[in-house]
């Protein structure tokens, strides 16, 4: 792994790994969102959208750390 050969890369590898995990969760959330829309299930849609916003906020924080 890159982190073992370059200690300066370790924080970047950690951030990118967390971003990858969040993108995976966002894919699952998108499927739930689509299902809630098709089923016209407004309470479920509200919950899914809140989780999506939370994930997007976490992703934004990680991207900010990666850029710095």
Protein backbone atom coordinates (compact mmCIF):
# COMPACT_ATOMS: atom_id res chain seq x y z
CA UNK A 1 0.00 0.00 0.00
CA UNK A 2 1.18 3.54 -0.69
CA UNK A 3 0.86 4.61 2.94
CA UNK A 4 3.58 2.21 4.06
CA UNK A 5 6.11 3.52 1.54
CA UNK A 6 5.40 7.19 2.19
CA UNK A 7 4.28 8.23 5.70
CA UNK A 8 3.12 11.60 4.37
CA UNK A 9 0.56 9.80 2.19
CA UNK A 10 -1.08 7.95 5.11
CA UNK A 11 -3.55 10.75 5.98
CA UNK A 12 -4.55 11.09 2.32
CA UNK A 13 -5.08 7.36 1.97
CA UNK A 14 -7.26 7.39 5.09
CA UNK A 15 -9.35 10.30 3.80
CA UNK A 16 -9.78 8.71 0.37
CA UNK A 17 -10.82 5.42 1.97
CA UNK A 18 -13.46 7.19 4.04
CA UNK A 19 -14.69 9.06 0.95
CA UNK A 20 -14.99 5.76 -0.91
CA UNK A 21 -17.09 4.36 1.93
CA UNK A 22 -19.39 7.38 1.89
CA UNK A 23 -19.84 7.17 -1.89
CA UNK A 24 -20.86 3.53 -1.43
CA UNK A 25 -23.39 4.54 1.20
CA UNK A 26 -24.70 7.28 -1.10
CA UNK A 27 -25.35 4.67 -3.79
CA UNK A 28 -27.46 2.66 -1.35
CA UNK A 29 -29.26 5.82 -0.22
CA UNK A 30 -30.02 6.73 -3.85
CA UNK A 31 -31.70 3.34 -4.32
CA UNK A 32 -33.77 3.89 -1.17
CA UNK A 33 -34.65 7.40 -2.35
CA UNK A 34 -35.81 6.07 -5.72
CA UNK A 35 -37.95 3.41 -4.02
CA UNK A 36 -39.54 5.98 -1.70
CA UNK A 37 -40.36 8.21 -4.67
CA UNK A 38 -41.86 5.36 -6.72
CA UNK A 39 -43.87 4.18 -3.70
CA UNK A 40 -44.90 7.77 -2.92
CA UNK A 41 -43.79 7.20 0.65
CA UNK A 42 -43.19 10.75 1.88
CA UNK A 43 -42.13 9.86 5.46
CA UNK A 44 -39.55 7.37 4.12
CA UNK A 45 -38.36 9.93 1.57
CA UNK A 46 -37.86 12.52 4.29
CA UNK A 47 -35.75 10.10 6.30
CA UNK A 48 -33.69 9.09 3.28
CA UNK A 49 -33.09 12.71 2.30
CA UNK A 50 -31.93 13.52 5.82
CA UNK A 51 -29.44 10.65 5.72
CA UNK A 52 -28.31 11.81 2.28
CA UNK A 53 -27.71 15.34 3.59
CA UNK A 54 -25.73 13.94 6.53
CA UNK A 55 -23.55 11.87 4.19
CA UNK A 56 -23.00 14.82 1.86
CA UNK A 57 -21.95 16.96 4.83
CA UNK A 58 -19.45 14.31 5.94
CA UNK A 59 -18.15 14.02 2.39
CA UNK A 60 -17.71 17.78 2.14
CA UNK A 61 -15.74 17.82 5.39
CA UNK A 62 -13.45 15.06 4.13
CA UNK A 63 -12.93 16.83 0.79
CA UNK A 64 -11.98 20.00 2.63
CA UNK A 65 -9.40 18.05 4.67
CA UNK A 66 -8.05 16.43 1.51
CA UNK A 67 -7.56 19.76 -0.26
CA UNK A 68 -5.69 21.30 2.66
